[in-house]
Amino acid sequence: MEKSKNRCIHELRIYKAQNYICAHLDQELNLEKLVKIFAVSPFYFHRMFKSIAGETLYGFIQRVRLEKSCSMLSSNHDMKIISIAMNSGFRTSSSFSKSFKQHFKISPSAYRSHFSFNNSKNGTSKSKTNKEVIPPIGYLSDLELESLYRRKKQMNVEIKKIPKYRVAYMRQIGPYGEKIFS
């Protein structure tokens, strides 16, 4: 029972760390900074992160930064690749290009030219090759945010008072893909 309770406490700490990382991707994120924020030892934090998240701290930060950059490359056509790299937390264009190519097996500029989305009115996306594609999950472009805002204004919102109840969520561990619920 005590072991289960401790596991829940550790998971909550790591989930908070992941949320912090996702909210601060454009800043320098390293083990030393995170252990100061979460007041734990570096060894403990790194070991617990790997155990709970299924990937190392550096691997998680790198993957999430690359996923953000994919979304920005495909939806922000006017933004320069170096700006996307900086907004995703990379310090140089060469480190961004190298990491991107290692992870996705394609250069950022090739990715942008192949997966630039033309959002239609019905919400589907097509690449420049006119094939339907699935946009990266988790990050919305300014155009997508504007579209959501316009749709929100058209909704009939009603505020109701409801009794208290518990809400749960399930955190996805590792990269997104077909086997989310296996």
Protein backbone atom coordinates (compact mmCIF):
# COMPACT_ATOMS: atom_id res chain seq x y z
CA MET A 1 0.00 0.00 0.00
CA GLU A 2 2.79 2.42 0.97
CA LYS A 3 4.71 1.58 -2.22
CA SER A 4 1.63 2.37 -4.32
CA LYS A 5 1.15 5.71 -2.54
CA ASN A 6 4.81 6.63 -3.09
CA ARG A 7 4.52 5.72 -6.79
CA CYS A 8 1.54 8.10 -7.13
CA ILE A 9 3.50 10.90 -5.47
CA HIS A 10 6.46 10.29 -7.78
CA GLU A 11 4.19 10.24 -10.84
CA LEU A 12 2.60 13.55 -9.85
CA ARG A 13 6.05 15.15 -9.52
CA ILE A 14 7.12 13.89 -12.93
CA TYR A 15 3.82 14.94 -14.55
CA LYS A 16 4.28 18.43 -13.10
CA ALA A 17 7.82 18.46 -14.47
CA GLN A 18 6.57 17.41 -17.92
CA ASN A 19 3.93 20.16 -17.83
CA TYR A 20 6.59 22.69 -16.82
CA ILE A 21 8.87 21.53 -19.63
CA CYS A 22 6.09 21.77 -22.23
CA ALA A 23 5.25 25.30 -21.07
CA HIS A 24 8.89 26.45 -21.20
CA LEU A 25 10.29 24.75 -24.31
CA ASP A 26 11.79 27.95 -25.63
CA GLN A 27 13.96 28.31 -22.51
CA GLU A 28 17.08 26.44 -21.50
CA LEU A 29 15.97 23.27 -19.77
CA ASN A 30 18.49 21.06 -18.05
CA LEU A 31 18.65 18.71 -15.10
CA GLU A 32 20.24 21.28 -12.78
CA LYS A 33 17.51 23.86 -13.40
CA LEU A 34 14.66 21.36 -13.00
CA VAL A 35 15.96 19.85 -9.75
CA LYS A 36 16.12 23.35 -8.26
CA ILE A 37 12.52 24.03 -9.30
CA PHE A 38 11.21 20.70 -7.99
CA ALA A 39 13.55 20.54 -4.95
CA VAL A 40 14.85 17.00 -5.49
CA SER A 41 18.27 15.49 -6.00
CA PRO A 42 19.54 15.13 -9.58
CA PHE A 43 20.01 11.37 -9.25
CA TYR A 44 16.50 10.86 -7.85
CA PHE A 45 14.86 13.12 -10.43
CA HIS A 46 16.62 11.54 -13.41
CA ARG A 47 15.93 7.99 -12.19
CA MET A 48 12.24 8.70 -11.45
CA PHE A 49 11.75 10.55 -14.74
CA LYS A 50 13.10 7.62 -16.76
CA SER A 51 11.07 5.11 -14.73
CA ILE A 52 7.76 6.97 -15.07
CA ALA A 53 8.08 8.68 -18.45
CA GLY A 54 9.75 5.76 -20.20
CA GLU A 55 12.43 8.01 -21.66
CA THR A 56 15.27 10.12 -20.34
CA LEU A 57 14.76 13.75 -19.40
CA TYR A 58 16.90 14.90 -22.33
CA GLY A 59 15.06 12.53 -24.69
CA PHE A 60 11.69 13.90 -23.57
CA ILE A 61 12.75 17.54 -23.96
CA GLN A 62 14.26 16.86 -27.39
CA ARG A 63 11.22 14.91 -28.64
CA VAL A 64 8.71 17.53 -27.51
CA ARG A 65 10.79 20.34 -29.03
CA LEU A 66 10.95 18.46 -32.34
CA GLU A 67 7.19 17.79 -32.30
CA LYS A 68 6.56 21.50 -31.70
CA SER A 69 8.89 22.45 -34.54
CA CYS A 70 7.05 20.03 -36.89
CA SER A 71 3.78 21.72 -36.16
CA MET A 72 5.28 25.15 -36.68
CA LEU A 73 7.01 24.14 -39.92
CA SER A 74 3.79 22.83 -41.40
CA SER A 75 1.54 25.68 -40.35
CA ASN A 76 3.68 28.85 -40.18
CA HIS A 77 4.69 29.32 -43.80
CA ASP A 78 6.00 32.86 -43.33
CA MET A 79 8.19 32.04 -40.35
CA LYS A 80 11.86 31.36 -41.08
CA ILE A 81 13.22 27.96 -40.11
CA ILE A 82 15.80 29.55 -37.80
CA SER A 83 12.97 31.35 -35.94
CA ILE A 84 11.08 28.08 -35.59
CA ALA A 85 14.25 26.46 -34.24
CA MET A 86 14.70 29.24 -31.66
CA ASN A 87 11.01 29.19 -30.65
CA SER A 88 11.26 25.44 -30.17
CA GLY A 89 14.21 25.81 -27.79
CA PHE A 90 17.17 25.07 -30.06
CA ARG A 91 20.12 27.43 -29.72
CA THR A 92 21.53 27.09 -33.25
CA SER A 93 20.12 26.23 -36.64
CA SER A 94 22.75 23.52 -37.09
CA SER A 95 21.79 21.71 -33.87
CA PHE A 96 18.13 21.97 -34.88
CA SER A 97 18.75 20.63 -38.39
CA LYS A 98 20.92 17.79 -37.12
CA SER A 99 18.40 16.73 -34.45
CA PHE A 100 15.46 17.07 -36.83
CA LYS A 101 17.11 14.97 -39.51
CA GLN A 102 18.20 12.29 -37.02
CA HIS A 103 14.69 12.03 -35.58
CA PHE A 104 12.52 12.34 -38.71
CA LYS A 105 14.99 11.19 -41.42
CA ILE A 106 14.23 14.35 -43.42
CA SER A 107 15.53 17.93 -43.27
CA PRO A 108 13.33 20.70 -41.82
CA SER A 109 13.04 22.47 -45.20
CA ALA A 110 12.11 19.22 -46.97
CA TYR A 111 9.53 18.52 -44.26
CA ARG A 112 8.07 22.00 -44.67
CA SER A 113 7.82 21.74 -48.45
CA HIS A 114 6.22 18.29 -48.27
CA PHE A 115 3.93 18.75 -45.27
CA SER A 116 2.73 22.32 -45.51
CA PHE A 117 -0.92 22.13 -44.69
CA ASN A 118 -3.68 23.70 -46.73
CA ASN A 119 -6.53 23.71 -44.23
CA SER A 120 -9.87 23.42 -45.93
CA LYS A 121 -13.20 24.63 -44.58
CA ASN A 122 -14.18 21.13 -43.45
CA GLY A 123 -11.05 20.82 -41.27
CA THR A 124 -9.13 18.25 -43.29
CA SER A 125 -5.57 18.93 -44.36
CA LYS A 126 -3.74 18.16 -47.57
CA SER A 127 -0.03 18.38 -48.23
CA LYS A 128 1.40 20.12 -51.28
CA THR A 129 1.40 16.72 -52.95
CA ASN A 130 -2.41 16.79 -52.45
CA LYS A 131 -2.36 13.73 -50.20
CA GLU A 132 -4.34 13.84 -46.99
CA VAL A 133 -2.03 14.07 -43.99
CA ILE A 134 -2.38 14.06 -40.24
CA PRO A 135 -1.05 17.27 -38.70
CA PRO A 136 1.22 17.00 -35.66
CA ILE A 137 -0.68 16.83 -32.39
CA GLY A 138 -0.47 19.21 -29.49
CA TYR A 139 0.47 22.59 -30.96
CA LEU A 140 -1.81 24.98 -32.81
CA SER A 141 -0.71 27.62 -35.25
CA ASP A 142 -1.96 31.20 -35.02
CA LEU A 143 -4.37 30.51 -37.91
CA GLU A 144 -5.79 27.44 -36.16
CA LEU A 145 -6.21 29.43 -32.94
CA GLU A 146 -8.06 32.18 -34.83
CA SER A 147 -10.33 29.57 -36.41
CA LEU A 148 -11.10 28.06 -33.01
CA TYR A 149 -11.82 31.49 -31.59
CA ARG A 150 -14.26 32.28 -34.42
CA ARG A 151 -16.03 28.95 -33.91
CA LYS A 152 -16.16 29.56 -30.16
CA LYS A 153 -17.92 32.88 -30.72
CA GLN A 154 -20.62 31.07 -32.73
CA MET A 155 -21.32 28.52 -30.00
CA ASN A 156 -24.26 28.77 -27.64
CA VAL A 157 -22.53 28.51 -24.30
CA GLU A 158 -24.56 27.72 -21.22
CA ILE A 159 -23.21 27.73 -17.69
CA LYS A 160 -24.72 25.15 -15.37
CA LYS A 161 -24.07 24.34 -11.76
CA ILE A 162 -23.34 20.63 -11.37
CA PRO A 163 -22.50 18.51 -8.34
CA LYS A 164 -18.87 17.78 -7.47
CA TYR A 165 -17.29 14.77 -9.14
CA ARG A 166 -13.82 13.43 -9.85
CA VAL A 167 -12.16 13.92 -13.20
CA ALA A 168 -9.31 11.77 -14.43
CA TYR A 169 -6.93 11.91 -17.33
CA MET A 170 -4.46 9.50 -18.79
CA ARG A 171 -1.03 10.82 -19.65
CA GLN A 172 0.51 9.55 -22.89
CA ILE A 173 4.00 8.28 -22.21
CA GLY A 174 6.42 8.47 -25.11
CA PRO A 175 5.85 9.71 -28.66
CA TYR A 176 2.43 9.85 -30.23
CA GLY A 177 1.51 7.14 -32.69
CA GLU A 178 -0.93 4.41 -33.52
CA LYS A 179 -0.36 2.39 -30.33
CA ILE A 180 -1.45 4.95 -27.73
CA PHE A 181 -3.78 2.56 -25.89
CA SER A 182 -1.99 -0.78 -26.06
